Amino acid sequence: MPDTARVYARIVCPKCGAHLLNSARFVWGAVPSPEYGVGDAVQWLCDQFGNAVSPFELRKVGLQYFQWNFGGAEFSNANVFDEDLYPGNQHLSCLGCGAEIAACMALIRDGIFKDVLALESFEVARILGEASGRANVVVIDDEGRFLPREDWFDHVVPYDKEKAELRPVLARLTS
């Protein structure tokens, strides 16, 4: 099972508007996680008191089934890059105009998946800056600044048997 979430959306070419994809895979919230659509709230793995489990803390949620939180539930606004196109895992060209798509990006605002955009390489570079290729999540602070999280890129999820056995639940956190 992939360690991602899938977001279903009509993803279109940024140049000509041609339909490109119906979904993309991301890491954000509880992973592996349920599938989302545009308008769905991010689900987080929470403890028995309703508090989000710390990021990258593996928990057993069923017989031989584990989940963890990718990212922090305290960040309700983020741009999250896809796992299939970014960073260069596959190449996608628009059949309508030939535009080269460098990545897809989910827009998460107020804890809700708002949209999924296809981006050309100059847009990826604008959003990630020097963190391009070293970050797949950009949190957005209260002033609207983009803060790429290089510390979360390809992060190790350690196994701690004592913590893993504490039974968590999935929840949609509200501010």
N, C-alpha and C. Protein backbone atom coordinates (compact mmCIF):
# COMPACT_ATOMS: atom_id res chain seq x y z
N MET A 1 0.84 -1.17 0.00
CA MET A 1 0.00 0.00 0.00
C MET A 1 0.89 1.24 0.00
N PRO A 2 0.59 2.18 -0.90
CA PRO A 2 1.41 3.39 -0.93
C PRO A 2 1.24 4.22 0.34
N ASP A 3 2.30 4.88 0.73
CA ASP A 3 2.28 5.71 1.93
C ASP A 3 1.85 7.13 1.58
N THR A 4 0.70 7.24 0.93
CA THR A 4 0.23 8.54 0.46
C THR A 4 -1.27 8.67 0.67
N ALA A 5 -1.76 9.85 0.35
CA ALA A 5 -3.19 10.11 0.23
C ALA A 5 -3.45 10.41 -1.24
N ARG A 6 -4.63 10.11 -1.71
CA ARG A 6 -5.00 10.45 -3.09
C ARG A 6 -6.09 11.51 -3.03
N VAL A 7 -5.90 12.55 -3.84
CA VAL A 7 -6.89 13.62 -3.93
C VAL A 7 -7.47 13.61 -5.34
N TYR A 8 -8.78 13.42 -5.43
CA TYR A 8 -9.46 13.44 -6.71
C TYR A 8 -9.89 14.86 -7.04
N ALA A 9 -9.52 15.28 -8.24
CA ALA A 9 -9.85 16.63 -8.71
C ALA A 9 -9.68 16.64 -10.22
N ARG A 10 -10.33 17.56 -10.86
CA ARG A 10 -10.11 17.77 -12.29
C ARG A 10 -8.87 18.65 -12.42
N ILE A 11 -7.77 18.05 -12.84
CA ILE A 11 -6.50 18.75 -12.94
C ILE A 11 -6.29 19.13 -14.40
N VAL A 12 -6.10 20.43 -14.63
CA VAL A 12 -6.03 20.94 -16.00
C VAL A 12 -4.69 21.59 -16.29
N CYS A 13 -4.39 21.71 -17.57
CA CYS A 13 -3.16 22.35 -18.03
C CYS A 13 -3.20 23.83 -17.66
N PRO A 14 -2.10 24.35 -17.08
CA PRO A 14 -2.07 25.76 -16.71
C PRO A 14 -2.02 26.70 -17.92
N LYS A 15 -1.65 26.18 -19.09
CA LYS A 15 -1.56 27.02 -20.29
C LYS A 15 -2.86 27.05 -21.09
N CYS A 16 -3.42 25.86 -21.36
CA CYS A 16 -4.57 25.82 -22.28
C CYS A 16 -5.86 25.32 -21.64
N GLY A 17 -5.79 24.82 -20.40
CA GLY A 17 -6.99 24.36 -19.71
C GLY A 17 -7.44 22.96 -20.09
N ALA A 18 -6.65 22.25 -20.88
CA ALA A 18 -7.01 20.87 -21.25
C ALA A 18 -6.96 19.97 -20.02
N HIS A 19 -7.85 19.00 -19.98
CA HIS A 19 -7.89 18.04 -18.87
C HIS A 19 -6.65 17.16 -18.91
N LEU A 20 -5.93 17.07 -17.78
CA LEU A 20 -4.71 16.26 -17.68
C LEU A 20 -4.91 15.00 -16.86
N LEU A 21 -5.42 15.15 -15.64
CA LEU A 21 -5.51 14.05 -14.69
C LEU A 21 -6.79 14.15 -13.87
N ASN A 22 -7.18 13.02 -13.27
CA ASN A 22 -8.34 13.00 -12.37
C ASN A 22 -7.95 12.95 -10.90
N SER A 23 -6.67 12.69 -10.62
CA SER A 23 -6.22 12.61 -9.23
C SER A 23 -4.71 12.70 -9.18
N ALA A 24 -4.22 12.92 -7.97
CA ALA A 24 -2.77 12.92 -7.71
C ALA A 24 -2.54 12.41 -6.30
N ARG A 25 -1.33 11.90 -6.04
CA ARG A 25 -0.99 11.36 -4.73
C ARG A 25 -0.12 12.34 -3.97
N PHE A 26 -0.43 12.50 -2.67
CA PHE A 26 0.28 13.45 -1.82
C PHE A 26 0.57 12.82 -0.47
N VAL A 27 1.49 13.42 0.27
CA VAL A 27 1.68 13.06 1.67
C VAL A 27 1.30 14.27 2.50
N TRP A 28 0.22 14.13 3.26
CA TRP A 28 -0.23 15.17 4.19
C TRP A 28 -1.32 14.55 5.04
N GLY A 29 -1.29 14.82 6.33
CA GLY A 29 -2.27 14.24 7.24
C GLY A 29 -1.90 12.80 7.55
N ALA A 30 -2.91 12.01 7.92
CA ALA A 30 -2.67 10.60 8.24
C ALA A 30 -2.36 9.83 6.96
N VAL A 31 -1.24 9.13 6.94
CA VAL A 31 -0.88 8.30 5.78
C VAL A 31 -0.47 6.92 6.26
N PRO A 32 -0.67 5.87 5.47
CA PRO A 32 -1.56 5.89 4.32
C PRO A 32 -2.96 6.27 4.78
N SER A 33 -3.67 6.96 3.92
CA SER A 33 -4.93 7.53 4.37
C SER A 33 -6.06 7.31 3.37
N PRO A 34 -7.24 7.68 3.80
CA PRO A 34 -8.37 7.58 2.88
C PRO A 34 -8.20 8.53 1.71
N GLU A 35 -9.02 8.33 0.72
CA GLU A 35 -8.99 9.21 -0.45
C GLU A 35 -9.81 10.45 -0.17
N TYR A 36 -9.42 11.53 -0.83
CA TYR A 36 -10.07 12.82 -0.64
C TYR A 36 -10.61 13.33 -1.97
N GLY A 37 -11.52 14.25 -1.88
CA GLY A 37 -11.96 15.05 -3.01
C GLY A 37 -11.79 16.50 -2.65
N VAL A 38 -11.85 17.38 -3.63
CA VAL A 38 -11.80 18.81 -3.35
C VAL A 38 -12.97 19.15 -2.44
N GLY A 39 -12.69 19.88 -1.37
CA GLY A 39 -13.71 20.23 -0.38
C GLY A 39 -13.67 19.37 0.86
N ASP A 40 -12.89 18.29 0.84
CA ASP A 40 -12.78 17.41 2.01
C ASP A 40 -11.75 17.94 2.99
N ALA A 41 -12.02 17.72 4.27
CA ALA A 41 -11.09 18.10 5.33
C ALA A 41 -9.98 17.07 5.44
N VAL A 42 -8.79 17.54 5.77
CA VAL A 42 -7.64 16.66 6.00
C VAL A 42 -7.93 15.83 7.25
N GLN A 43 -7.63 14.55 7.18
CA GLN A 43 -7.77 13.67 8.34
C GLN A 43 -6.41 13.50 9.00
N TRP A 44 -6.43 13.57 10.34
CA TRP A 44 -5.21 13.40 11.12
C TRP A 44 -5.38 12.22 12.06
N LEU A 45 -4.30 11.56 12.34
CA LEU A 45 -4.27 10.49 13.31
C LEU A 45 -4.24 11.13 14.69
N CYS A 46 -5.21 10.82 15.54
CA CYS A 46 -5.34 11.45 16.85
C CYS A 46 -5.30 10.41 17.96
N ASP A 47 -4.89 10.87 19.15
CA ASP A 47 -4.89 9.98 20.31
C ASP A 47 -6.31 9.89 20.88
N GLN A 48 -6.46 9.13 21.94
CA GLN A 48 -7.78 8.89 22.53
C GLN A 48 -8.41 10.16 23.09
N PHE A 49 -7.63 11.25 23.23
CA PHE A 49 -8.15 12.51 23.75
C PHE A 49 -8.49 13.50 22.63
N GLY A 50 -8.29 13.08 21.38
CA GLY A 50 -8.61 13.94 20.25
C GLY A 50 -7.48 14.86 19.82
N ASN A 51 -6.28 14.66 20.36
CA ASN A 51 -5.12 15.46 19.98
C ASN A 51 -4.35 14.76 18.88
N ALA A 52 -3.89 15.52 17.90
CA ALA A 52 -3.13 14.94 16.80
C ALA A 52 -1.87 14.28 17.32
N VAL A 53 -1.59 13.08 16.83
CA VAL A 53 -0.35 12.37 17.14
C VAL A 53 0.80 13.15 16.52
N SER A 54 1.94 13.19 17.17
CA SER A 54 3.11 13.90 16.65
C SER A 54 3.45 13.42 15.24
N PRO A 55 3.95 14.32 14.39
CA PRO A 55 4.34 13.92 13.04
C PRO A 55 5.37 12.80 13.06
N PHE A 56 5.26 11.91 12.08
CA PHE A 56 6.22 10.83 11.84
C PHE A 56 6.34 9.87 13.01
N GLU A 57 5.26 9.67 13.73
CA GLU A 57 5.20 8.73 14.85
C GLU A 57 4.28 7.58 14.44
N LEU A 58 4.85 6.44 14.15
CA LEU A 58 4.11 5.29 13.66
C LEU A 58 3.17 4.73 14.72
N ARG A 59 1.92 4.45 14.32
CA ARG A 59 0.93 3.88 15.22
C ARG A 59 0.23 2.70 14.55
N LYS A 60 -0.07 1.69 15.34
CA LYS A 60 -0.78 0.52 14.85
C LYS A 60 -2.28 0.81 14.91
N VAL A 61 -2.95 0.72 13.76
CA VAL A 61 -4.38 1.03 13.70
C VAL A 61 -5.22 -0.20 13.35
N GLY A 62 -4.59 -1.31 13.13
CA GLY A 62 -5.29 -2.54 12.82
C GLY A 62 -4.30 -3.68 12.77
N LEU A 63 -4.79 -4.87 12.52
CA LEU A 63 -3.92 -6.03 12.42
C LEU A 63 -2.93 -5.82 11.28
N GLN A 64 -1.67 -5.69 11.60
CA GLN A 64 -0.60 -5.47 10.62
C GLN A 64 -0.82 -4.22 9.77
N TYR A 65 -1.51 -3.21 10.31
CA TYR A 65 -1.77 -1.97 9.58
C TYR A 65 -1.34 -0.79 10.45
N PHE A 66 -0.46 0.04 9.91
CA PHE A 66 0.10 1.17 10.64
C PHE A 66 -0.15 2.47 9.87
N GLN A 67 -0.26 3.56 10.61
CA GLN A 67 -0.38 4.90 10.04
C GLN A 67 0.48 5.86 10.84
N TRP A 68 0.70 7.04 10.28
CA TRP A 68 1.39 8.13 10.96
C TRP A 68 0.92 9.43 10.34
N ASN A 69 1.21 10.53 11.00
CA ASN A 69 0.90 11.84 10.47
C ASN A 69 2.10 12.38 9.71
N PHE A 70 1.85 12.78 8.48
CA PHE A 70 2.87 13.49 7.72
C PHE A 70 2.54 14.97 7.84
N GLY A 71 3.44 15.72 8.42
CA GLY A 71 3.21 17.14 8.63
C GLY A 71 2.55 17.38 9.97
N GLY A 72 2.33 18.64 10.26
CA GLY A 72 1.76 19.00 11.55
C GLY A 72 0.34 19.51 11.42
N ALA A 73 -0.54 18.98 12.25
CA ALA A 73 -1.95 19.39 12.22
C ALA A 73 -2.12 20.86 12.56
N GLU A 74 -1.13 21.47 13.19
CA GLU A 74 -1.22 22.89 13.52
C GLU A 74 -1.10 23.79 12.29
N PHE A 75 -0.68 23.21 11.16
CA PHE A 75 -0.57 23.97 9.91
C PHE A 75 -1.82 23.72 9.08
N SER A 76 -2.73 24.67 9.07
CA SER A 76 -3.98 24.47 8.33
C SER A 76 -3.89 24.95 6.90
N ASN A 77 -2.80 25.64 6.55
CA ASN A 77 -2.60 26.13 5.18
C ASN A 77 -1.27 25.60 4.66
N ALA A 78 -1.34 24.90 3.54
CA ALA A 78 -0.13 24.32 2.96
C ALA A 78 -0.30 24.10 1.47
N ASN A 79 0.81 24.07 0.78
CA ASN A 79 0.88 23.62 -0.60
C ASN A 79 1.66 22.32 -0.57
N VAL A 80 1.06 21.26 -1.08
CA VAL A 80 1.66 19.93 -0.97
C VAL A 80 1.87 19.37 -2.38
N PHE A 81 3.13 19.05 -2.70
CA PHE A 81 3.47 18.57 -4.03
C PHE A 81 3.24 17.08 -4.16
N ASP A 82 2.86 16.67 -5.38
CA ASP A 82 2.52 15.27 -5.64
C ASP A 82 3.74 14.37 -5.58
N GLU A 83 3.47 13.10 -5.40
CA GLU A 83 4.52 12.09 -5.30
C GLU A 83 4.87 11.46 -6.63
N ASP A 84 4.04 11.62 -7.65
CA ASP A 84 4.28 10.95 -8.93
C ASP A 84 5.09 11.80 -9.92
N LEU A 85 4.82 13.09 -9.98
CA LEU A 85 5.54 13.94 -10.92
C LEU A 85 6.72 14.63 -10.27
N TYR A 86 6.59 15.04 -9.02
CA TYR A 86 7.63 15.80 -8.35
C TYR A 86 8.42 14.89 -7.44
N PRO A 87 9.73 14.95 -7.37
CA PRO A 87 10.63 15.76 -8.19
C PRO A 87 11.14 14.98 -9.38
N GLY A 88 10.46 15.05 -10.47
CA GLY A 88 10.89 14.43 -11.72
C GLY A 88 10.70 12.93 -11.78
N ASN A 89 9.78 12.38 -10.97
CA ASN A 89 9.56 10.94 -11.00
C ASN A 89 8.99 10.48 -12.34
N GLN A 90 8.09 11.25 -12.89
CA GLN A 90 7.52 10.98 -14.21
C GLN A 90 7.43 12.31 -14.94
N HIS A 91 7.23 12.23 -16.24
CA HIS A 91 7.08 13.45 -17.02
C HIS A 91 5.69 13.45 -17.63
N LEU A 92 5.06 14.61 -17.63
CA LEU A 92 3.72 14.75 -18.17
C LEU A 92 3.71 15.95 -19.11
N SER A 93 3.23 15.71 -20.31
CA SER A 93 3.07 16.79 -21.28
C SER A 93 1.60 16.89 -21.61
N CYS A 94 1.14 18.12 -21.76
CA CYS A 94 -0.25 18.36 -22.15
C CYS A 94 -0.45 17.91 -23.59
N LEU A 95 -1.48 17.13 -23.84
CA LEU A 95 -1.78 16.70 -25.20
C LEU A 95 -2.36 17.84 -26.03
N GLY A 96 -2.91 18.86 -25.35
CA GLY A 96 -3.51 19.99 -26.06
C GLY A 96 -2.49 20.97 -26.60
N CYS A 97 -1.52 21.35 -25.77
CA CYS A 97 -0.58 22.40 -26.18
C CYS A 97 0.89 22.02 -26.04
N GLY A 98 1.16 20.87 -25.44
CA GLY A 98 2.54 20.42 -25.29
C GLY A 98 3.25 20.95 -24.06
N ALA A 99 2.56 21.70 -23.20
CA ALA A 99 3.20 22.22 -22.00
C ALA A 99 3.77 21.08 -21.17
N GLU A 100 4.98 21.30 -20.65
CA GLU A 100 5.62 20.31 -19.79
C GLU A 100 5.20 20.57 -18.35
N ILE A 101 4.58 19.59 -17.73
CA ILE A 101 4.09 19.72 -16.37
C ILE A 101 5.16 19.16 -15.44
N ALA A 102 5.63 20.00 -14.51
CA ALA A 102 6.71 19.61 -13.59
C ALA A 102 6.17 18.98 -12.32
N ALA A 103 4.93 19.34 -11.92
CA ALA A 103 4.37 18.83 -10.67
C ALA A 103 2.88 19.15 -10.61
N CYS A 104 2.22 18.44 -9.74
CA CYS A 104 0.87 18.82 -9.32
C CYS A 104 1.00 19.25 -7.87
N MET A 105 0.11 20.15 -7.46
CA MET A 105 0.20 20.67 -6.10
C MET A 105 -1.21 20.79 -5.54
N ALA A 106 -1.42 20.21 -4.35
CA ALA A 106 -2.70 20.36 -3.65
C ALA A 106 -2.64 21.63 -2.82
N LEU A 107 -3.70 22.41 -2.91
CA LEU A 107 -3.84 23.61 -2.09
C LEU A 107 -4.70 23.25 -0.89
N ILE A 108 -4.15 23.39 0.30
CA ILE A 108 -4.89 23.11 1.53
C ILE A 108 -5.04 24.45 2.25
N ARG A 109 -6.30 24.83 2.46
CA ARG A 109 -6.59 26.10 3.13
C ARG A 109 -7.59 25.82 4.23
N ASP A 110 -7.28 26.30 5.43
CA ASP A 110 -8.13 26.08 6.60
C ASP A 110 -8.44 24.59 6.79
N GLY A 111 -7.44 23.73 6.51
CA GLY A 111 -7.58 22.30 6.72
C GLY A 111 -8.42 21.58 5.69
N ILE A 112 -8.73 22.24 4.56
CA ILE A 112 -9.59 21.67 3.52
C ILE A 112 -8.80 21.60 2.21
N PHE A 113 -8.93 20.49 1.49
CA PHE A 113 -8.36 20.40 0.14
C PHE A 113 -9.18 21.30 -0.77
N LYS A 114 -8.59 22.41 -1.22
CA LYS A 114 -9.30 23.40 -2.02
C LYS A 114 -9.19 23.15 -3.52
N ASP A 115 -8.04 22.65 -3.97
CA ASP A 115 -7.84 22.44 -5.41
C ASP A 115 -6.56 21.65 -5.61
N VAL A 116 -6.39 21.14 -6.82
CA VAL A 116 -5.13 20.53 -7.23
C VAL A 116 -4.75 21.18 -8.55
N LEU A 117 -3.56 21.75 -8.59
CA LEU A 117 -3.09 22.48 -9.75
C LEU A 117 -1.94 21.75 -10.42
N ALA A 118 -1.89 21.81 -11.75
CA ALA A 118 -0.73 21.36 -12.51
C ALA A 118 0.19 22.56 -12.66
N LEU A 119 1.48 22.34 -12.50
CA LEU A 119 2.45 23.45 -12.53
C LEU A 119 3.57 23.16 -13.50
N GLU A 120 4.01 24.21 -14.16
CA GLU A 120 5.22 24.14 -14.97
C GLU A 120 6.42 24.37 -14.05
N SER A 121 7.61 24.09 -14.54
CA SER A 121 8.80 24.14 -13.69
C SER A 121 9.05 25.52 -13.10
N PHE A 122 8.76 26.61 -13.83
CA PHE A 122 9.01 27.94 -13.28
C PHE A 122 8.11 28.21 -12.07
N GLU A 123 6.89 27.65 -12.04
CA GLU A 123 6.00 27.83 -10.89
C GLU A 123 6.49 27.03 -9.69
N VAL A 124 6.98 25.83 -9.93
CA VAL A 124 7.55 25.02 -8.85
C VAL A 124 8.73 25.77 -8.25
N ALA A 125 9.60 26.32 -9.10
CA ALA A 125 10.77 27.07 -8.62
C ALA A 125 10.34 28.32 -7.85
N ARG A 126 9.28 29.00 -8.29
CA ARG A 126 8.81 30.20 -7.60
C ARG A 126 8.31 29.87 -6.20
N ILE A 127 7.60 28.76 -6.07
CA ILE A 127 7.01 28.38 -4.79
C ILE A 127 8.05 27.80 -3.83
N LEU A 128 8.94 26.97 -4.36
CA LEU A 128 9.92 26.30 -3.50
C LEU A 128 11.23 27.06 -3.34
N GLY A 129 11.57 27.90 -4.29
CA GLY A 129 12.83 28.62 -4.22
C GLY A 129 14.01 27.68 -4.15
N GLU A 130 14.94 27.97 -3.25
CA GLU A 130 16.15 27.15 -3.11
C GLU A 130 15.87 25.75 -2.58
N ALA A 131 14.67 25.52 -2.06
CA ALA A 131 14.32 24.20 -1.52
C ALA A 131 13.83 23.24 -2.60
N SER A 132 13.79 23.68 -3.84
CA SER A 132 13.33 22.83 -4.94
C SER A 132 14.15 21.54 -4.98
N GLY A 133 13.44 20.42 -5.01
CA GLY A 133 14.09 19.11 -4.99
C GLY A 133 14.42 18.62 -3.60
N ARG A 134 14.22 19.48 -2.58
CA ARG A 134 14.53 19.11 -1.20
C ARG A 134 13.34 19.31 -0.26
N ALA A 135 12.18 19.65 -0.83
CA ALA A 135 10.97 19.84 -0.03
C ALA A 135 9.77 19.49 -0.90
N ASN A 136 8.78 18.83 -0.32
CA ASN A 136 7.55 18.54 -1.06
C ASN A 136 6.32 19.10 -0.35
N VAL A 137 6.56 19.86 0.73
CA VAL A 137 5.50 20.53 1.46
C VAL A 137 5.95 21.95 1.76
N VAL A 138 5.05 22.89 1.53
CA VAL A 138 5.28 24.29 1.87
C VAL A 138 4.14 24.70 2.79
N VAL A 139 4.46 25.02 4.03
CA VAL A 139 3.42 25.55 4.92
C VAL A 139 3.35 27.06 4.70
N ILE A 140 2.19 27.60 4.97
CA ILE A 140 1.97 29.02 4.74
C ILE A 140 1.68 29.66 6.10
N ASP A 141 2.52 30.64 6.47
CA ASP A 141 2.35 31.26 7.78
C ASP A 141 1.22 32.30 7.76
N ASP A 142 0.97 32.91 8.90
CA ASP A 142 -0.13 33.87 9.04
C ASP A 142 0.04 35.11 8.17
N GLU A 143 1.27 35.42 7.76
CA GLU A 143 1.52 36.56 6.88
C GLU A 143 1.48 36.17 5.41
N GLY A 144 1.18 34.89 5.12
CA GLY A 144 1.11 34.42 3.74
C GLY A 144 2.43 34.02 3.13
N ARG A 145 3.48 33.95 3.95
CA ARG A 145 4.80 33.54 3.44
C ARG A 145 4.85 32.03 3.25
N PHE A 146 5.52 31.61 2.18
CA PHE A 146 5.73 30.19 1.91
C PHE A 146 6.97 29.73 2.67
N LEU A 147 6.82 28.66 3.46
CA LEU A 147 7.93 28.11 4.24
C LEU A 147 8.13 26.65 3.86
N PRO A 148 9.02 26.37 2.89
CA PRO A 148 9.28 24.98 2.51
C PRO A 148 9.84 24.18 3.68
N ARG A 149 9.33 22.97 3.86
CA ARG A 149 9.75 22.12 4.98
C ARG A 149 10.73 21.06 4.49
N GLU A 150 11.99 21.46 4.34
CA GLU A 150 13.03 20.51 3.94
C GLU A 150 13.22 19.43 4.98
N ASP A 151 12.95 19.75 6.26
CA ASP A 151 13.12 18.78 7.34
C ASP A 151 12.10 17.64 7.25
N TRP A 152 11.04 17.81 6.47
CA TRP A 152 10.05 16.75 6.31
C TRP A 152 10.26 15.93 5.05
N PHE A 153 11.15 16.35 4.17
CA PHE A 153 11.35 15.69 2.88
C PHE A 153 12.01 14.33 3.09
N ASP A 154 11.36 13.30 2.60
CA ASP A 154 11.88 11.93 2.70
C ASP A 154 12.21 11.58 4.15
N HIS A 155 11.34 11.98 5.05
CA HIS A 155 11.55 11.82 6.49
C HIS A 155 11.42 10.35 6.91
N VAL A 156 12.28 9.91 7.81
CA VAL A 156 12.22 8.56 8.35
C VAL A 156 11.07 8.47 9.35
N VAL A 157 10.34 7.35 9.32
CA VAL A 157 9.26 7.10 10.28
C VAL A 157 9.75 5.95 11.17
N PRO A 158 10.29 6.28 12.35
CA PRO A 158 10.84 5.24 13.21
C PRO A 158 9.74 4.40 13.86
N TYR A 159 10.09 3.18 14.19
CA TYR A 159 9.15 2.28 14.86
C TYR A 159 9.51 2.22 16.33
N ASP A 160 8.59 2.65 17.18
CA ASP A 160 8.73 2.58 18.63
C ASP A 160 7.58 1.70 19.11
N LYS A 161 7.87 0.45 19.47
CA LYS A 161 6.82 -0.51 19.81
C LYS A 161 5.86 0.02 20.88
N GLU A 162 6.39 0.68 21.91
CA GLU A 162 5.52 1.18 22.98
C GLU A 162 4.53 2.21 22.46
N LYS A 163 5.00 3.16 21.65
CA LYS A 163 4.11 4.18 21.09
C LYS A 163 3.19 3.58 20.02
N ALA A 164 3.72 2.67 19.23
CA ALA A 164 2.94 2.10 18.13
C ALA A 164 1.71 1.36 18.63
N GLU A 165 1.78 0.80 19.82
CA GLU A 165 0.65 0.02 20.33
C GLU A 165 -0.46 0.88 20.93
N LEU A 166 -0.21 2.18 21.15
CA LEU A 166 -1.27 3.08 21.64
C LEU A 166 -2.27 3.29 20.52
N ARG A 167 -3.52 2.95 20.76
CA ARG A 167 -4.53 2.97 19.70
C ARG A 167 -4.99 4.38 19.34
N PRO A 168 -4.71 4.83 18.12
CA PRO A 168 -5.16 6.13 17.67
C PRO A 168 -6.47 6.03 16.88
N VAL A 169 -7.03 7.18 16.54
CA VAL A 169 -8.22 7.25 15.70
C VAL A 169 -8.00 8.35 14.65
N LEU A 170 -8.70 8.24 13.52
CA LEU A 170 -8.64 9.28 12.50
C LEU A 170 -9.65 10.37 12.87
N ALA A 171 -9.27 11.61 12.67
CA ALA A 171 -10.18 12.71 12.98
C ALA A 171 -9.92 13.87 12.04
N ARG A 172 -10.94 14.66 11.86
CA ARG A 172 -10.83 15.93 11.16
C ARG A 172 -10.78 16.99 12.23
N LEU A 173 -9.66 17.66 12.34
CA LEU A 173 -9.48 18.66 13.38
C LEU A 173 -10.04 19.98 12.91
N THR A 174 -10.71 20.69 13.78
CA THR A 174 -11.23 22.01 13.44
C THR A 174 -10.59 23.04 14.35
N SER A 175 -10.37 24.22 13.79
CA SER A 175 -9.70 25.28 14.55
C SER A 175 -10.71 26.04 15.39
